[in-house]
């Protein structure tokens, strides 16, 4: 019995927690490589297209190895296909807005703005009745307080620089347009929150993570190709030369766009949209370190103080979510003890 409980805790809590942290690390790494590539003249439209191409090839291979053949694929006329197509439009628009925002600003600002994702997702989840709000519950209070503290930490990073603690000398970046970049990044993470909600609904109907993400990337590849052909008419911009641009495309397509999307989709299916969005604030500390080391951005006191505040808020929200899950588990166990016959009938019917 103890082994069963321990394994359940490991598979439903420890593994998703570690997976979400790993995904945030790869996402920030992708943003940092993309920023380095754009500083050398690489088009972000071409970057998005090639990333989806690489991701589609990787996911097609994974679908042949791990894909389920028992479940029929959705037809082009089915409502599920329409939802996946809508998911593609949301994801592609979010990706383009995010890349353009990073081009105007930096990966650190992107990670700071990403702190809005839990708030956006929480409000949308409440609106769609996917999340319950009980103000007297300590779990709900922890999530609300943690979100506010996390946003405060992000604001400290953006608004207060303070003295320089570390100056790297890799290469210098141009002075960004922070207002335009910030607005584009805010749009990116708003659309990402809607993406989380819609993806969760799709997984309830069609719980095949690899297949759904494969369809998503195939549609995104076709649409991004049309957009890229319309915007980037200079064929020289399509050439991929050995260097940081090629590394950025391969890394983003393999780790971020394909495997990262599969893990996110799996996390949405297992834990829901709010849980997945809670890990976005963690990316700020990662981005600050990477931008300082690889992009030559100076590390300021405000970034350190803001990251500490943000981390405190992040773990407060995680505690609230864990307490909520524990309360729900205890409630379900008590219900199974009170109504064992009814539960057996439900399992038989299901």
Protein backbone atom coordinates (compact mmCIF):
# COMPACT_ATOMS: atom_id res chain seq x y z
CA UNK A 1 0.00 0.00 0.00
CA UNK A 2 2.81 2.41 0.90
CA UNK A 3 4.62 1.59 -2.34
CA UNK A 4 1.45 2.33 -4.31
CA UNK A 5 0.97 5.70 -2.57
CA UNK A 6 4.66 6.57 -3.05
CA UNK A 7 4.57 5.66 -6.73
CA UNK A 8 1.38 7.66 -7.24
CA UNK A 9 2.98 10.68 -5.57
CA UNK A 10 6.12 10.26 -7.70
CA UNK A 11 4.25 9.90 -11.01
CA UNK A 12 1.60 12.57 -10.39
CA UNK A 13 3.65 15.18 -8.50
CA UNK A 14 7.42 14.71 -8.72
CA UNK A 15 7.65 13.83 -12.43
CA UNK A 16 5.36 16.67 -13.66
CA UNK A 17 7.18 19.16 -11.42
CA UNK A 18 10.60 18.16 -12.80
CA UNK A 19 9.28 18.05 -16.38
CA UNK A 20 7.81 21.56 -16.20
CA UNK A 21 11.07 22.99 -14.84
CA UNK A 22 13.02 21.24 -17.63
CA UNK A 23 10.67 22.68 -20.26
CA UNK A 24 11.10 26.21 -18.92
CA UNK A 25 14.89 25.80 -19.09
CA UNK A 26 14.72 24.68 -22.73
CA UNK A 27 12.26 27.47 -23.60
CA UNK A 28 14.56 30.15 -22.20
CA UNK A 29 17.49 28.51 -23.98
CA UNK A 30 15.57 28.69 -27.24
CA UNK A 31 14.77 32.38 -26.69
CA UNK A 32 18.40 33.15 -25.90
CA UNK A 33 19.66 31.38 -29.03
CA UNK A 34 17.01 33.10 -31.14
CA UNK A 35 18.06 36.51 -29.79
CA UNK A 36 21.69 35.72 -30.60
CA UNK A 37 20.68 34.70 -34.15
CA UNK A 38 18.63 37.87 -34.78
CA UNK A 39 21.54 40.02 -33.64
CA UNK A 40 23.40 38.52 -36.59
CA UNK A 41 20.65 39.34 -39.07
CA UNK A 42 18.56 36.16 -39.01
CA UNK A 43 14.87 36.71 -39.92
CA UNK A 44 12.48 35.71 -37.14
CA UNK A 45 9.84 34.66 -39.73
CA UNK A 46 12.32 32.19 -41.24
CA UNK A 47 13.27 31.05 -37.74
CA UNK A 48 9.62 30.26 -36.89
CA UNK A 49 9.10 28.36 -40.16
CA UNK A 50 12.24 26.20 -39.85
CA UNK A 51 11.50 25.50 -36.18
CA UNK A 52 8.10 24.08 -37.11
CA UNK A 53 9.66 22.02 -39.92
CA UNK A 54 12.16 20.43 -37.54
CA UNK A 55 9.45 19.86 -34.91
CA UNK A 56 7.15 18.19 -37.46
CA UNK A 57 9.89 15.78 -38.55
CA UNK A 58 10.72 14.91 -34.94
CA UNK A 59 7.08 14.39 -33.95
CA UNK A 60 6.33 12.34 -37.07
CA UNK A 61 9.16 10.00 -36.09
CA UNK A 62 7.91 9.82 -32.49
CA UNK A 63 4.35 9.12 -33.67
CA UNK A 64 5.58 6.13 -35.69
CA UNK A 65 7.37 4.75 -32.62
CA UNK A 66 5.07 5.67 -29.72
CA UNK A 67 1.81 6.71 -31.38
CA UNK A 68 -1.37 4.81 -30.57
CA UNK A 69 -2.97 2.97 -33.48
CA UNK A 70 -6.13 2.09 -31.59
CA UNK A 71 -7.60 5.60 -31.73
CA UNK A 72 -8.77 6.86 -35.12
CA UNK A 73 -7.30 10.10 -36.43
CA UNK A 74 -9.70 13.08 -36.65
CA UNK A 75 -11.09 13.84 -40.11
CA UNK A 76 -10.83 17.27 -41.72
CA UNK A 77 -14.58 17.84 -41.23
CA UNK A 78 -14.69 16.95 -37.53
CA UNK A 79 -15.06 19.56 -34.75
CA UNK A 80 -11.82 18.25 -33.23
CA UNK A 81 -9.87 19.12 -36.38
CA UNK A 82 -11.35 22.63 -36.30
CA UNK A 83 -10.24 23.04 -32.66
CA UNK A 84 -6.71 21.90 -33.53
CA UNK A 85 -6.65 24.36 -36.44
CA UNK A 86 -7.81 27.14 -34.08
CA UNK A 87 -5.09 26.01 -31.67
CA UNK A 88 -2.59 26.40 -34.51
CA UNK A 89 -3.68 29.97 -35.26
CA UNK A 90 -3.39 30.89 -31.58
CA UNK A 91 -0.01 29.21 -31.18
CA UNK A 92 1.47 30.62 -34.37
CA UNK A 93 0.30 34.17 -33.63
CA UNK A 94 1.65 33.85 -30.10
CA UNK A 95 4.99 32.55 -31.41
CA UNK A 96 5.37 35.36 -33.97
CA UNK A 97 4.44 38.03 -31.40
CA UNK A 98 6.90 36.52 -28.93
CA UNK A 99 9.78 36.36 -31.42
CA UNK A 100 9.18 39.93 -32.56
CA UNK A 101 8.93 41.04 -28.94
CA UNK A 102 12.27 39.42 -28.09
CA UNK A 103 13.79 41.00 -31.21
CA UNK A 104 12.74 44.43 -29.90
CA UNK A 105 13.73 43.69 -26.29
CA UNK A 106 15.44 40.70 -24.65
CA UNK A 107 14.83 37.17 -23.32
CA UNK A 108 14.90 38.59 -19.79
CA UNK A 109 11.98 40.92 -20.49
CA UNK A 110 10.16 38.04 -22.19
CA UNK A 111 10.55 35.91 -19.08
CA UNK A 112 9.45 38.81 -16.88
CA UNK A 113 6.29 39.39 -18.94
CA UNK A 114 5.63 35.63 -18.92
CA UNK A 115 4.82 36.07 -15.25
CA UNK A 116 1.42 37.32 -16.41
CA UNK A 117 0.61 33.85 -17.76
CA UNK A 118 -0.58 32.36 -14.43
CA UNK A 119 -2.87 35.34 -13.85
CA UNK A 120 -4.28 35.19 -17.38
CA UNK A 121 -4.72 31.42 -17.22
CA UNK A 122 -6.26 31.47 -13.75
CA UNK A 123 -8.85 34.07 -14.81
CA UNK A 124 -9.69 32.17 -17.99
CA UNK A 125 -9.89 28.86 -16.11
CA UNK A 126 -12.32 30.41 -13.61
CA UNK A 127 -14.36 31.88 -16.47
CA UNK A 128 -14.60 28.47 -18.20
CA UNK A 129 -15.31 26.76 -14.84
CA UNK A 130 -12.12 24.71 -15.00
CA UNK A 131 -10.90 26.12 -11.68
CA UNK A 132 -12.81 26.75 -8.46
CA UNK A 133 -12.31 29.84 -6.31
CA UNK A 134 -13.06 29.56 -2.60
CA UNK A 135 -11.79 32.70 -0.89
CA UNK A 136 -11.97 31.13 2.57
CA UNK A 137 -9.73 28.26 1.49
CA UNK A 138 -6.05 28.56 2.44
CA UNK A 139 -5.10 26.96 -0.90
CA UNK A 140 -6.95 29.63 -2.90
CA UNK A 141 -5.51 32.39 -0.71
CA UNK A 142 -1.99 31.02 -1.27
CA UNK A 143 -2.48 30.96 -5.04
CA UNK A 144 -3.79 34.53 -5.10
CA UNK A 145 -1.07 35.88 -2.78
CA UNK A 146 1.64 33.95 -4.63
CA UNK A 147 0.49 35.32 -7.97
CA UNK A 148 0.54 38.91 -6.65
CA UNK A 149 4.00 38.43 -5.15
CA UNK A 150 5.26 36.91 -8.42
CA UNK A 151 3.94 39.85 -10.43
CA UNK A 152 5.60 42.21 -7.93
CA UNK A 153 8.91 40.43 -8.46
CA UNK A 154 8.54 40.72 -12.23
CA UNK A 155 7.83 44.45 -11.91
CA UNK A 156 10.96 44.90 -9.81
CA UNK A 157 13.04 43.26 -12.55
CA UNK A 158 11.52 45.44 -15.29
CA UNK A 159 11.30 48.80 -13.45
CA UNK A 160 14.33 48.73 -11.12
CA UNK A 161 17.79 47.99 -12.47
CA UNK A 162 20.06 49.13 -9.66
CA UNK A 163 23.86 48.86 -9.73
CA UNK A 164 25.58 46.37 -11.99
CA UNK A 165 26.74 43.18 -10.29
CA UNK A 166 28.17 41.39 -13.33
CA UNK A 167 29.04 42.53 -16.82
CA UNK A 168 29.60 39.93 -19.52
CA UNK A 169 31.56 40.59 -22.71
CA UNK A 170 30.25 38.03 -25.22
CA UNK A 171 28.84 40.60 -27.69
CA UNK A 172 26.72 43.68 -27.33
CA UNK A 173 23.11 44.04 -28.38
CA UNK A 174 21.31 47.04 -29.86
CA UNK A 175 19.20 49.30 -27.66
CA UNK A 176 15.72 47.71 -27.66
CA UNK A 177 12.32 49.38 -27.97
CA UNK A 178 10.98 48.18 -24.63
CA UNK A 179 7.42 49.50 -25.02
CA UNK A 180 6.71 47.77 -28.34
CA UNK A 181 8.53 44.65 -27.21
CA UNK A 182 6.64 44.55 -23.92
CA UNK A 183 3.25 44.93 -25.64
CA UNK A 184 4.04 42.16 -28.11
CA UNK A 185 5.22 39.89 -25.31
CA UNK A 186 2.08 40.61 -23.27
CA UNK A 187 0.02 39.63 -26.34
CA UNK A 188 2.08 36.46 -26.67
CA UNK A 189 1.38 35.25 -23.15
CA UNK A 190 -2.29 36.24 -23.28
CA UNK A 191 -2.67 34.06 -26.38
CA UNK A 192 -0.61 31.36 -24.69
CA UNK A 193 -3.08 31.29 -21.80
CA UNK A 194 -5.96 30.84 -24.25
CA UNK A 195 -3.85 28.12 -25.92
CA UNK A 196 -3.54 26.28 -22.59
CA UNK A 197 -7.31 26.37 -22.05
CA UNK A 198 -8.15 25.16 -25.55
CA UNK A 199 -5.45 22.48 -25.47
CA UNK A 200 -6.84 21.13 -22.19
CA UNK A 201 -10.30 20.87 -23.73
CA UNK A 202 -8.88 19.05 -26.76
CA UNK A 203 -7.06 16.55 -24.55
CA UNK A 204 -10.31 15.70 -22.79
CA UNK A 205 -11.79 14.69 -26.16
CA UNK A 206 -8.69 13.20 -27.78
CA UNK A 207 -6.03 12.22 -25.17
CA UNK A 208 -3.19 11.56 -27.62
CA UNK A 209 -0.42 14.04 -26.85
CA UNK A 210 1.97 13.22 -29.70
CA UNK A 211 -0.75 13.07 -32.37
CA UNK A 212 -2.33 16.36 -31.31
CA UNK A 213 0.99 18.20 -31.23
CA UNK A 214 1.97 16.63 -34.58
CA UNK A 215 -1.23 17.91 -36.22
CA UNK A 216 -0.66 21.28 -34.61
CA UNK A 217 2.90 21.54 -35.96
CA UNK A 218 1.92 20.34 -39.44
CA UNK A 219 -0.73 23.05 -39.72
CA UNK A 220 1.66 25.63 -38.25
CA UNK A 221 4.34 24.65 -40.79
CA UNK A 222 1.97 25.20 -43.73
CA UNK A 223 0.61 28.52 -42.44
CA UNK A 224 4.03 29.87 -41.41
CA UNK A 225 5.39 28.95 -44.87
CA UNK A 226 2.71 31.10 -46.51
CA UNK A 227 3.37 33.97 -44.09
CA UNK A 228 7.11 33.69 -44.60
CA UNK A 229 6.80 33.66 -48.41
CA UNK A 230 4.65 36.79 -48.25
CA UNK A 231 6.91 38.70 -45.83
CA UNK A 232 10.39 37.45 -46.70
CA UNK A 233 10.62 37.61 -50.49
CA UNK A 234 14.41 37.73 -50.49
CA UNK A 235 15.46 34.10 -50.98
CA UNK A 236 18.86 34.79 -49.41
CA UNK A 237 17.16 35.19 -46.01
CA UNK A 238 16.00 31.56 -46.27
CA UNK A 239 19.54 30.20 -46.35
CA UNK A 240 20.69 28.41 -43.21
CA UNK A 241 24.42 28.69 -42.73
CA UNK A 242 26.47 26.83 -40.10
CA UNK A 243 26.56 28.88 -36.95
CA UNK A 244 24.27 30.22 -34.28
CA UNK A 245 21.27 30.45 -36.67
CA UNK A 246 21.40 26.75 -37.53
CA UNK A 247 21.91 25.81 -33.87
CA UNK A 248 18.96 28.01 -32.84
CA UNK A 249 16.63 26.38 -35.40
CA UNK A 250 17.61 22.80 -34.54
CA UNK A 251 17.51 23.42 -30.80
CA UNK A 252 14.17 25.21 -30.92
CA UNK A 253 12.55 22.69 -33.24
CA UNK A 254 13.76 19.64 -31.34
CA UNK A 255 13.60 20.68 -27.68
CA UNK A 256 11.12 23.57 -27.54
CA UNK A 257 8.58 23.28 -30.36
CA UNK A 258 8.34 19.47 -30.42
CA UNK A 259 9.34 17.83 -27.12
CA UNK A 260 8.45 20.91 -25.07
CA UNK A 261 4.98 21.06 -26.63
CA UNK A 262 4.41 17.35 -25.99
CA UNK A 263 5.41 17.72 -22.32
CA UNK A 264 3.21 20.82 -21.96
CA UNK A 265 0.28 18.96 -23.51
CA UNK A 266 0.86 15.99 -21.23
CA UNK A 267 1.01 18.33 -18.23
CA UNK A 268 -2.23 20.03 -19.30
CA UNK A 269 -3.92 16.63 -19.56
CA UNK A 270 -2.59 15.48 -16.18
CA UNK A 271 -2.67 18.65 -14.07
CA UNK A 272 -4.68 21.27 -15.92
CA UNK A 273 -3.83 24.70 -17.41
CA UNK A 274 -3.27 26.60 -14.17
CA UNK A 275 -0.59 24.16 -12.92
CA UNK A 276 1.36 24.37 -16.19
CA UNK A 277 1.21 28.17 -16.28
CA UNK A 278 2.56 28.42 -12.72
CA UNK A 279 6.05 27.52 -13.90
CA UNK A 280 6.40 30.50 -16.23
CA UNK A 281 7.68 32.87 -13.49
CA UNK A 282 10.58 30.49 -12.84
CA UNK A 283 11.98 31.34 -16.26
CA UNK A 284 13.04 34.84 -15.16
CA UNK A 285 15.93 33.64 -13.01
CA UNK A 286 17.02 31.32 -15.81
CA UNK A 287 16.79 34.09 -18.43
CA UNK A 288 18.75 36.57 -16.32
CA UNK A 289 21.64 34.13 -16.01
CA UNK A 290 21.61 33.10 -19.69
CA UNK A 291 21.30 36.68 -20.99
CA UNK A 292 24.21 37.75 -18.81
CA UNK A 293 26.45 34.88 -19.91
CA UNK A 294 25.57 34.49 -23.61
CA UNK A 295 24.14 37.86 -24.75
CA UNK A 296 26.41 40.24 -22.90
CA UNK A 297 23.56 41.76 -20.87
CA UNK A 298 24.66 43.25 -17.57
CA UNK A 299 23.35 41.59 -14.42
CA UNK A 300 21.78 44.23 -12.17
CA UNK A 301 20.81 44.20 -8.51
CA UNK A 302 17.14 44.65 -9.48
CA UNK A 303 17.21 41.41 -11.44
CA UNK A 304 18.54 39.49 -8.45
CA UNK A 305 16.11 41.04 -5.94
CA UNK A 306 13.17 40.61 -8.31
CA UNK A 307 14.08 36.98 -8.98
CA UNK A 308 14.16 36.24 -5.25
CA UNK A 309 10.74 37.86 -4.72
CA UNK A 310 9.35 36.07 -7.74
CA UNK A 311 10.66 32.69 -6.60
CA UNK A 312 9.01 33.17 -3.21
CA UNK A 313 5.69 33.90 -4.91
CA UNK A 314 6.14 30.95 -7.25
CA UNK A 315 6.65 28.46 -4.44
CA UNK A 316 3.73 29.97 -2.51
CA UNK A 317 1.44 29.27 -5.46
CA UNK A 318 2.87 25.76 -5.82
CA UNK A 319 2.16 25.13 -2.13
CA UNK A 320 -1.42 26.31 -2.58
CA UNK A 321 -1.91 24.08 -5.60
CA UNK A 322 -0.41 21.07 -3.77
CA UNK A 323 -2.64 21.70 -0.74
CA UNK A 324 -5.67 21.93 -3.01
CA UNK A 325 -4.78 18.60 -4.66
CA UNK A 326 -4.24 16.96 -1.25
CA UNK A 327 -7.61 18.19 0.01
CA UNK A 328 -9.29 16.88 -3.11
CA UNK A 329 -7.58 13.48 -2.73
CA UNK A 330 -8.67 13.18 0.90
CA UNK A 331 -12.23 14.17 -0.04
CA UNK A 332 -12.31 11.54 -2.79
CA UNK A 333 -10.97 8.88 -0.39
CA UNK A 334 -13.61 9.71 2.21
CA UNK A 335 -16.30 9.54 -0.45
CA UNK A 336 -15.08 6.13 -1.60
CA UNK A 337 -15.22 4.86 1.99
CA UNK A 338 -18.74 6.19 2.50
CA UNK A 339 -20.12 5.01 -0.84
CA UNK A 340 -18.04 1.98 -1.92
CA UNK A 341 -20.90 0.31 -3.79
CA UNK A 342 -21.68 3.41 -5.84
CA UNK A 343 -18.01 3.80 -6.80
CA UNK A 344 -17.84 0.19 -8.01
CA UNK A 345 -20.94 0.76 -10.13
CA UNK A 346 -19.39 3.92 -11.59
CA UNK A 347 -16.19 2.08 -12.46
CA UNK A 348 -18.22 -0.69 -14.11
CA UNK A 349 -20.22 1.77 -16.17
CA UNK A 350 -17.09 3.62 -17.22
